[in-house]
Amino acid sequence: MGKEQVLSLLKDKGIPYHLIEHPAAHTIEEMDAFGVENAEQIAKNLFLRDDKKRDYYLICLQKDKTADLKALRQTLGCRPLSFASESDLQQYLALPKGAVTPFGALNDTAHKVRLRFDRTLAGFAAVGVHPNDNTATVFLKLADLVKLLQGFGSDVELIDL
């Protein structure tokens, strides 16, 4: 599912959103350089796996937060974590490096990837994520995003980071 399909799905489901087009952004630093409005509401997305490559996680947190992988391991109750490979990203979420987004879970028909959102994001009026394409950012309510992903069958939880 690409950008147009994601936007069409949001429209079909009646989920309100605001779309901002911008040059390709592979990192949060690149996004910051574009001066996007409501930049503090943009999510940073980390695609992680355990050391046995059995469990995969997409961690979404406020863009200025850092993630301590050892502490995150304790929070998730899992084996040691590291960043997943580009081939894993393509295999499970059908996304290229630099375009990690929770909407990638719509491509995960086996529901292999567990999505975990930092509870802080729920306090924002909207959260900004790529629509499976890093040349745009969609701002929508976190509750709407979570409901959409859960409706697709994804394992989604809010956690404290």
N, C-alpha and C. Protein backbone atom coordinates (compact mmCIF):
# COMPACT_ATOMS: atom_id res chain seq x y z
N MET A 1 0.85 -1.18 0.00
CA MET A 1 0.00 0.00 0.00
C MET A 1 0.90 1.24 0.00
N GLY A 2 0.75 2.06 -0.99
CA GLY A 2 1.53 3.28 -1.11
C GLY A 2 0.78 4.49 -0.60
N LYS A 3 1.35 5.65 -0.85
CA LYS A 3 0.78 6.91 -0.35
C LYS A 3 -0.66 7.12 -0.79
N GLU A 4 -0.94 6.98 -2.07
CA GLU A 4 -2.29 7.23 -2.57
C GLU A 4 -3.30 6.26 -1.97
N GLN A 5 -2.89 5.01 -1.78
CA GLN A 5 -3.79 4.02 -1.18
C GLN A 5 -4.05 4.34 0.29
N VAL A 6 -3.01 4.81 1.00
CA VAL A 6 -3.19 5.19 2.41
C VAL A 6 -4.17 6.36 2.50
N LEU A 7 -3.96 7.38 1.68
CA LEU A 7 -4.84 8.55 1.71
C LEU A 7 -6.27 8.17 1.33
N SER A 8 -6.42 7.29 0.36
CA SER A 8 -7.74 6.82 -0.04
C SER A 8 -8.41 6.05 1.09
N LEU A 9 -7.64 5.23 1.79
CA LEU A 9 -8.18 4.47 2.92
C LEU A 9 -8.67 5.42 4.02
N LEU A 10 -7.89 6.44 4.33
CA LEU A 10 -8.30 7.41 5.34
C LEU A 10 -9.61 8.09 4.94
N LYS A 11 -9.69 8.46 3.68
CA LYS A 11 -10.91 9.10 3.17
C LYS A 11 -12.10 8.14 3.25
N ASP A 12 -11.90 6.89 2.81
CA ASP A 12 -12.97 5.89 2.82
C ASP A 12 -13.47 5.60 4.23
N LYS A 13 -12.56 5.65 5.21
CA LYS A 13 -12.93 5.38 6.60
C LYS A 13 -13.46 6.61 7.31
N GLY A 14 -13.45 7.75 6.62
CA GLY A 14 -13.94 8.99 7.23
C GLY A 14 -13.02 9.54 8.29
N ILE A 15 -11.73 9.24 8.19
CA ILE A 15 -10.75 9.71 9.18
C ILE A 15 -10.21 11.06 8.72
N PRO A 16 -10.45 12.11 9.51
CA PRO A 16 -9.93 13.43 9.13
C PRO A 16 -8.41 13.47 9.26
N TYR A 17 -7.77 14.15 8.31
CA TYR A 17 -6.31 14.29 8.35
C TYR A 17 -5.92 15.57 7.62
N HIS A 18 -4.69 15.98 7.85
CA HIS A 18 -4.10 17.12 7.16
C HIS A 18 -2.81 16.63 6.52
N LEU A 19 -2.66 16.82 5.23
CA LEU A 19 -1.48 16.35 4.49
C LEU A 19 -0.56 17.51 4.17
N ILE A 20 0.72 17.31 4.42
CA ILE A 20 1.74 18.28 4.04
C ILE A 20 2.73 17.58 3.12
N GLU A 21 2.91 18.12 1.93
CA GLU A 21 3.91 17.60 0.99
C GLU A 21 5.24 18.32 1.26
N HIS A 22 6.34 17.61 1.10
CA HIS A 22 7.67 18.18 1.33
C HIS A 22 8.70 17.33 0.58
N PRO A 23 9.93 17.83 0.49
CA PRO A 23 10.98 16.98 -0.13
C PRO A 23 11.16 15.70 0.69
N ALA A 24 11.78 14.70 0.08
CA ALA A 24 12.02 13.43 0.78
C ALA A 24 12.78 13.70 2.08
N ALA A 25 12.29 13.10 3.15
CA ALA A 25 12.92 13.23 4.47
C ALA A 25 13.26 11.84 4.97
N HIS A 26 14.55 11.57 5.11
CA HIS A 26 15.01 10.26 5.57
C HIS A 26 15.25 10.23 7.06
N THR A 27 15.37 11.42 7.67
CA THR A 27 15.65 11.51 9.11
C THR A 27 14.81 12.64 9.72
N ILE A 28 14.73 12.62 11.03
CA ILE A 28 14.05 13.70 11.76
C ILE A 28 14.77 15.02 11.52
N GLU A 29 16.09 14.99 11.45
CA GLU A 29 16.86 16.21 11.22
C GLU A 29 16.48 16.84 9.87
N GLU A 30 16.30 16.01 8.85
CA GLU A 30 15.87 16.53 7.55
C GLU A 30 14.47 17.13 7.65
N MET A 31 13.58 16.48 8.37
CA MET A 31 12.23 17.03 8.56
C MET A 31 12.29 18.38 9.25
N ASP A 32 13.11 18.48 10.27
CA ASP A 32 13.24 19.75 11.00
C ASP A 32 13.71 20.87 10.08
N ALA A 33 14.59 20.55 9.14
CA ALA A 33 15.13 21.56 8.24
C ALA A 33 14.05 22.13 7.30
N PHE A 34 12.98 21.39 7.08
CA PHE A 34 11.91 21.84 6.19
C PHE A 34 11.00 22.87 6.85
N GLY A 35 11.05 22.98 8.17
CA GLY A 35 10.21 23.95 8.86
C GLY A 35 8.73 23.63 8.77
N VAL A 36 8.40 22.36 8.83
CA VAL A 36 7.00 21.92 8.74
C VAL A 36 6.22 22.44 9.95
N GLU A 37 4.99 22.93 9.70
CA GLU A 37 4.15 23.40 10.81
C GLU A 37 3.83 22.23 11.74
N ASN A 38 3.65 22.53 13.02
CA ASN A 38 3.36 21.53 14.05
C ASN A 38 4.42 20.43 14.12
N ALA A 39 5.67 20.80 13.87
CA ALA A 39 6.76 19.83 13.83
C ALA A 39 6.91 19.07 15.14
N GLU A 40 6.52 19.69 16.26
CA GLU A 40 6.65 19.00 17.55
C GLU A 40 5.73 17.79 17.65
N GLN A 41 4.74 17.69 16.76
CA GLN A 41 3.80 16.58 16.77
C GLN A 41 4.22 15.43 15.85
N ILE A 42 5.36 15.58 15.19
CA ILE A 42 5.83 14.53 14.29
C ILE A 42 6.42 13.38 15.10
N ALA A 43 6.09 12.18 14.68
CA ALA A 43 6.59 10.98 15.36
C ALA A 43 7.89 10.50 14.73
N LYS A 44 8.78 10.04 15.59
CA LYS A 44 9.98 9.35 15.16
C LYS A 44 9.64 7.87 15.24
N ASN A 45 10.03 7.11 14.22
CA ASN A 45 9.65 5.71 14.13
C ASN A 45 10.89 4.83 14.06
N LEU A 46 10.97 3.87 14.95
CA LEU A 46 12.12 2.97 15.02
C LEU A 46 11.66 1.54 14.74
N PHE A 47 12.29 0.90 13.78
CA PHE A 47 11.95 -0.48 13.45
C PHE A 47 13.00 -1.38 14.09
N LEU A 48 12.57 -2.15 15.08
CA LEU A 48 13.48 -2.95 15.90
C LEU A 48 13.14 -4.43 15.82
N ARG A 49 14.12 -5.23 16.19
CA ARG A 49 13.92 -6.68 16.28
C ARG A 49 14.66 -7.20 17.50
N ASP A 50 14.25 -8.40 17.95
CA ASP A 50 14.99 -9.00 19.06
C ASP A 50 16.21 -9.73 18.50
N ASP A 51 17.07 -10.17 19.40
CA ASP A 51 18.33 -10.77 18.97
C ASP A 51 18.17 -12.12 18.26
N LYS A 52 17.02 -12.73 18.36
CA LYS A 52 16.77 -14.00 17.68
C LYS A 52 15.99 -13.81 16.37
N LYS A 53 15.69 -12.56 16.03
CA LYS A 53 14.92 -12.22 14.83
C LYS A 53 13.55 -12.92 14.82
N ARG A 54 12.96 -13.04 16.00
CA ARG A 54 11.63 -13.65 16.10
C ARG A 54 10.55 -12.59 16.29
N ASP A 55 10.87 -11.55 17.03
CA ASP A 55 9.90 -10.51 17.34
C ASP A 55 10.36 -9.18 16.75
N TYR A 56 9.43 -8.51 16.08
CA TYR A 56 9.71 -7.21 15.45
C TYR A 56 8.77 -6.17 16.04
N TYR A 57 9.31 -4.97 16.22
CA TYR A 57 8.55 -3.87 16.83
C TYR A 57 8.74 -2.60 16.01
N LEU A 58 7.66 -1.85 15.89
CA LEU A 58 7.74 -0.50 15.35
C LEU A 58 7.40 0.41 16.52
N ILE A 59 8.39 1.15 16.97
CA ILE A 59 8.24 2.04 18.12
C ILE A 59 8.05 3.46 17.59
N CYS A 60 6.97 4.11 18.00
CA CYS A 60 6.66 5.48 17.58
C CYS A 60 6.72 6.38 18.80
N LEU A 61 7.56 7.38 18.74
CA LEU A 61 7.70 8.31 19.85
C LEU A 61 7.83 9.73 19.33
N GLN A 62 7.65 10.69 20.21
CA GLN A 62 7.76 12.09 19.84
C GLN A 62 9.17 12.32 19.30
N LYS A 63 9.29 13.10 18.26
CA LYS A 63 10.53 13.22 17.49
C LYS A 63 11.75 13.66 18.29
N ASP A 64 11.56 14.37 19.40
CA ASP A 64 12.69 14.85 20.17
C ASP A 64 13.10 13.90 21.29
N LYS A 65 12.36 12.82 21.48
CA LYS A 65 12.70 11.84 22.51
C LYS A 65 13.74 10.87 21.98
N THR A 66 14.48 10.30 22.90
CA THR A 66 15.42 9.23 22.54
C THR A 66 14.91 7.94 23.15
N ALA A 67 15.30 6.85 22.53
CA ALA A 67 14.88 5.54 23.02
C ALA A 67 16.10 4.78 23.53
N ASP A 68 16.06 4.41 24.79
CA ASP A 68 17.09 3.57 25.39
C ASP A 68 16.66 2.12 25.14
N LEU A 69 17.39 1.41 24.29
CA LEU A 69 16.98 0.07 23.90
C LEU A 69 16.97 -0.91 25.07
N LYS A 70 17.87 -0.71 26.02
CA LYS A 70 17.88 -1.59 27.20
C LYS A 70 16.65 -1.36 28.06
N ALA A 71 16.29 -0.09 28.26
CA ALA A 71 15.09 0.23 29.04
C ALA A 71 13.84 -0.22 28.28
N LEU A 72 13.85 -0.04 26.97
CA LEU A 72 12.72 -0.45 26.14
C LEU A 72 12.52 -1.96 26.23
N ARG A 73 13.62 -2.69 26.28
CA ARG A 73 13.53 -4.14 26.43
C ARG A 73 12.77 -4.50 27.70
N GLN A 74 13.05 -3.79 28.77
CA GLN A 74 12.36 -4.05 30.04
C GLN A 74 10.88 -3.70 29.92
N THR A 75 10.58 -2.58 29.30
CA THR A 75 9.19 -2.15 29.13
C THR A 75 8.40 -3.16 28.30
N LEU A 76 9.02 -3.67 27.25
CA LEU A 76 8.35 -4.61 26.35
C LEU A 76 8.38 -6.05 26.87
N GLY A 77 9.30 -6.32 27.81
CA GLY A 77 9.44 -7.68 28.33
C GLY A 77 9.92 -8.65 27.26
N CYS A 78 10.93 -8.22 26.52
CA CYS A 78 11.40 -9.03 25.40
C CYS A 78 12.91 -9.29 25.51
N ARG A 79 13.43 -10.00 24.56
CA ARG A 79 14.86 -10.28 24.46
C ARG A 79 15.57 -8.99 24.05
N PRO A 80 16.92 -8.98 24.05
CA PRO A 80 17.66 -7.78 23.65
C PRO A 80 17.26 -7.29 22.26
N LEU A 81 17.21 -5.97 22.12
CA LEU A 81 16.74 -5.33 20.88
C LEU A 81 17.87 -4.69 20.10
N SER A 82 17.70 -4.65 18.79
CA SER A 82 18.58 -3.89 17.92
C SER A 82 17.75 -3.43 16.73
N PHE A 83 18.34 -2.57 15.92
CA PHE A 83 17.62 -2.09 14.75
C PHE A 83 17.51 -3.21 13.72
N ALA A 84 16.34 -3.33 13.12
CA ALA A 84 16.12 -4.34 12.08
C ALA A 84 16.82 -3.90 10.80
N SER A 85 17.08 -4.83 9.94
CA SER A 85 17.78 -4.55 8.69
C SER A 85 16.86 -3.93 7.65
N GLU A 86 17.48 -3.38 6.61
CA GLU A 86 16.70 -2.84 5.49
C GLU A 86 15.90 -3.95 4.81
N SER A 87 16.47 -5.14 4.74
CA SER A 87 15.73 -6.25 4.11
C SER A 87 14.53 -6.65 4.95
N ASP A 88 14.65 -6.60 6.28
CA ASP A 88 13.50 -6.88 7.15
C ASP A 88 12.43 -5.81 6.97
N LEU A 89 12.86 -4.57 6.87
CA LEU A 89 11.92 -3.46 6.67
C LEU A 89 11.13 -3.65 5.37
N GLN A 90 11.82 -4.06 4.33
CA GLN A 90 11.16 -4.30 3.05
C GLN A 90 10.26 -5.53 3.13
N GLN A 91 10.76 -6.59 3.76
CA GLN A 91 10.00 -7.85 3.84
C GLN A 91 8.70 -7.70 4.63
N TYR A 92 8.77 -7.06 5.80
CA TYR A 92 7.60 -7.02 6.68
C TYR A 92 6.69 -5.81 6.46
N LEU A 93 7.27 -4.65 6.14
CA LEU A 93 6.46 -3.43 6.02
C LEU A 93 6.42 -2.87 4.60
N ALA A 94 7.19 -3.48 3.70
CA ALA A 94 7.26 -3.03 2.30
C ALA A 94 7.63 -1.54 2.21
N LEU A 95 8.60 -1.14 3.05
CA LEU A 95 9.04 0.25 3.08
C LEU A 95 10.54 0.33 2.84
N PRO A 96 11.00 1.41 2.20
CA PRO A 96 12.44 1.61 2.06
C PRO A 96 13.00 2.29 3.31
N LYS A 97 14.30 2.20 3.48
CA LYS A 97 14.98 2.90 4.57
C LYS A 97 14.64 4.38 4.48
N GLY A 98 14.38 5.00 5.62
CA GLY A 98 14.07 6.42 5.64
C GLY A 98 12.60 6.74 5.47
N ALA A 99 11.77 5.71 5.38
CA ALA A 99 10.32 5.94 5.22
C ALA A 99 9.52 5.12 6.23
N VAL A 100 10.13 4.81 7.37
CA VAL A 100 9.46 4.00 8.39
C VAL A 100 8.27 4.77 8.95
N THR A 101 7.14 4.10 9.03
CA THR A 101 5.89 4.72 9.47
C THR A 101 4.95 3.63 9.97
N PRO A 102 4.08 3.96 10.91
CA PRO A 102 3.10 2.95 11.35
C PRO A 102 2.15 2.51 10.24
N PHE A 103 1.96 3.35 9.21
CA PHE A 103 1.12 2.93 8.09
C PHE A 103 1.73 1.73 7.36
N GLY A 104 3.01 1.48 7.53
CA GLY A 104 3.64 0.31 6.94
C GLY A 104 3.00 -0.98 7.42
N ALA A 105 2.38 -0.95 8.61
CA ALA A 105 1.71 -2.14 9.14
C ALA A 105 0.56 -2.57 8.23
N LEU A 106 0.05 -1.67 7.41
CA LEU A 106 -1.01 -2.03 6.47
C LEU A 106 -0.48 -2.99 5.39
N ASN A 107 0.84 -3.06 5.24
CA ASN A 107 1.47 -3.99 4.30
C ASN A 107 1.87 -5.30 4.98
N ASP A 108 1.75 -5.36 6.30
CA ASP A 108 2.17 -6.52 7.09
C ASP A 108 0.98 -7.48 7.25
N THR A 109 0.67 -8.20 6.19
CA THR A 109 -0.52 -9.06 6.21
C THR A 109 -0.37 -10.24 7.19
N ALA A 110 0.86 -10.59 7.55
CA ALA A 110 1.08 -11.67 8.52
C ALA A 110 1.04 -11.14 9.95
N HIS A 111 0.96 -9.83 10.11
CA HIS A 111 0.91 -9.18 11.44
C HIS A 111 2.10 -9.60 12.30
N LYS A 112 3.27 -9.58 11.69
CA LYS A 112 4.51 -9.95 12.37
C LYS A 112 5.04 -8.82 13.26
N VAL A 113 4.74 -7.58 12.87
CA VAL A 113 5.30 -6.41 13.56
C VAL A 113 4.33 -5.89 14.61
N ARG A 114 4.83 -5.72 15.82
CA ARG A 114 4.04 -5.15 16.91
C ARG A 114 4.29 -3.64 16.95
N LEU A 115 3.23 -2.86 17.01
CA LEU A 115 3.35 -1.41 17.05
C LEU A 115 3.18 -0.92 18.48
N ARG A 116 4.11 -0.10 18.91
CA ARG A 116 4.07 0.48 20.25
C ARG A 116 4.25 1.98 20.13
N PHE A 117 3.23 2.71 20.60
CA PHE A 117 3.24 4.17 20.56
C PHE A 117 3.53 4.72 21.94
N ASP A 118 4.40 5.70 21.99
CA ASP A 118 4.66 6.41 23.24
C ASP A 118 3.38 7.12 23.66
N ARG A 119 2.96 6.90 24.88
CA ARG A 119 1.72 7.48 25.39
C ARG A 119 1.72 9.01 25.28
N THR A 120 2.89 9.64 25.28
CA THR A 120 2.98 11.09 25.14
C THR A 120 2.29 11.58 23.87
N LEU A 121 2.35 10.78 22.81
CA LEU A 121 1.74 11.19 21.53
C LEU A 121 0.23 11.36 21.66
N ALA A 122 -0.38 10.67 22.60
CA ALA A 122 -1.83 10.77 22.78
C ALA A 122 -2.24 12.15 23.28
N GLY A 123 -1.30 12.89 23.84
CA GLY A 123 -1.59 14.23 24.34
C GLY A 123 -1.60 15.31 23.27
N PHE A 124 -1.19 14.96 22.06
CA PHE A 124 -1.16 15.93 20.97
C PHE A 124 -2.51 15.97 20.26
N ALA A 125 -2.84 17.11 19.69
CA ALA A 125 -4.08 17.24 18.92
C ALA A 125 -4.03 16.30 17.71
N ALA A 126 -2.83 16.11 17.16
CA ALA A 126 -2.63 15.22 16.03
C ALA A 126 -1.19 14.72 16.08
N VAL A 127 -0.94 13.61 15.41
CA VAL A 127 0.42 13.08 15.30
C VAL A 127 0.77 13.03 13.82
N GLY A 128 2.01 13.38 13.49
CA GLY A 128 2.45 13.41 12.10
C GLY A 128 3.28 12.20 11.74
N VAL A 129 2.85 11.47 10.71
CA VAL A 129 3.58 10.30 10.22
C VAL A 129 3.55 10.29 8.69
N HIS A 130 4.52 9.63 8.10
CA HIS A 130 4.53 9.49 6.64
C HIS A 130 3.42 8.54 6.19
N PRO A 131 2.80 8.80 5.04
CA PRO A 131 1.79 7.90 4.50
C PRO A 131 2.42 6.85 3.57
N ASN A 132 3.41 6.11 4.10
CA ASN A 132 4.18 5.10 3.34
C ASN A 132 4.99 5.73 2.22
N ASP A 133 5.33 6.99 2.38
CA ASP A 133 6.12 7.74 1.41
C ASP A 133 6.72 8.92 2.18
N ASN A 134 8.04 9.05 2.13
CA ASN A 134 8.67 10.10 2.94
C ASN A 134 8.70 11.47 2.28
N THR A 135 7.85 11.68 1.27
CA THR A 135 7.72 13.01 0.66
C THR A 135 6.45 13.72 1.13
N ALA A 136 5.83 13.17 2.16
CA ALA A 136 4.62 13.78 2.71
C ALA A 136 4.49 13.36 4.17
N THR A 137 3.75 14.17 4.92
CA THR A 137 3.42 13.85 6.31
C THR A 137 1.93 14.04 6.49
N VAL A 138 1.30 13.06 7.10
CA VAL A 138 -0.13 13.10 7.41
C VAL A 138 -0.27 13.37 8.90
N PHE A 139 -1.08 14.37 9.24
CA PHE A 139 -1.38 14.64 10.65
C PHE A 139 -2.80 14.15 10.91
N LEU A 140 -2.95 13.28 11.90
CA LEU A 140 -4.25 12.75 12.29
C LEU A 140 -4.23 12.43 13.77
N LYS A 141 -5.40 12.23 14.33
CA LYS A 141 -5.50 11.90 15.75
C LYS A 141 -4.89 10.52 15.98
N LEU A 142 -4.12 10.40 17.05
CA LEU A 142 -3.51 9.11 17.36
C LEU A 142 -4.58 8.05 17.55
N ALA A 143 -5.68 8.39 18.20
CA ALA A 143 -6.76 7.42 18.43
C ALA A 143 -7.29 6.88 17.11
N ASP A 144 -7.40 7.74 16.08
CA ASP A 144 -7.87 7.28 14.77
C ASP A 144 -6.86 6.34 14.12
N LEU A 145 -5.57 6.66 14.26
CA LEU A 145 -4.52 5.81 13.68
C LEU A 145 -4.51 4.45 14.37
N VAL A 146 -4.58 4.45 15.70
CA VAL A 146 -4.58 3.19 16.46
C VAL A 146 -5.79 2.34 16.08
N LYS A 147 -6.96 2.96 16.01
CA LYS A 147 -8.18 2.23 15.67
C LYS A 147 -8.08 1.62 14.26
N LEU A 148 -7.55 2.39 13.31
CA LEU A 148 -7.38 1.90 11.95
C LEU A 148 -6.46 0.68 11.92
N LEU A 149 -5.32 0.78 12.61
CA LEU A 149 -4.35 -0.32 12.60
C LEU A 149 -4.88 -1.54 13.34
N GLN A 150 -5.57 -1.32 14.44
CA GLN A 150 -6.17 -2.45 15.16
C GLN A 150 -7.24 -3.12 14.31
N GLY A 151 -8.01 -2.32 13.59
CA GLY A 151 -9.04 -2.86 12.71
C GLY A 151 -8.46 -3.72 11.60
N PHE A 152 -7.21 -3.44 11.24
CA PHE A 152 -6.51 -4.22 10.24
C PHE A 152 -5.95 -5.51 10.84
N GLY A 153 -5.93 -5.58 12.17
CA GLY A 153 -5.43 -6.78 12.84
C GLY A 153 -4.06 -6.62 13.46
N SER A 154 -3.52 -5.41 13.44
CA SER A 154 -2.19 -5.17 14.01
C SER A 154 -2.24 -5.16 15.53
N ASP A 155 -1.14 -5.61 16.14
CA ASP A 155 -0.95 -5.60 17.58
C ASP A 155 -0.46 -4.21 17.95
N VAL A 156 -1.32 -3.39 18.53
CA VAL A 156 -1.00 -1.99 18.83
C VAL A 156 -1.22 -1.72 20.31
N GLU A 157 -0.26 -1.05 20.93
CA GLU A 157 -0.40 -0.65 22.34
C GLU A 157 0.23 0.72 22.54
N LEU A 158 -0.28 1.45 23.53
CA LEU A 158 0.36 2.67 24.01
C LEU A 158 1.21 2.28 25.21
N ILE A 159 2.45 2.78 25.25
CA ILE A 159 3.36 2.47 26.34
C ILE A 159 4.01 3.75 26.84
N ASP A 160 4.58 3.69 28.02
CA ASP A 160 5.30 4.83 28.58
C ASP A 160 6.77 4.69 28.23
N LEU A 161 7.28 5.71 27.53
CA LEU A 161 8.72 5.72 27.17
C LEU A 161 9.41 6.88 27.85
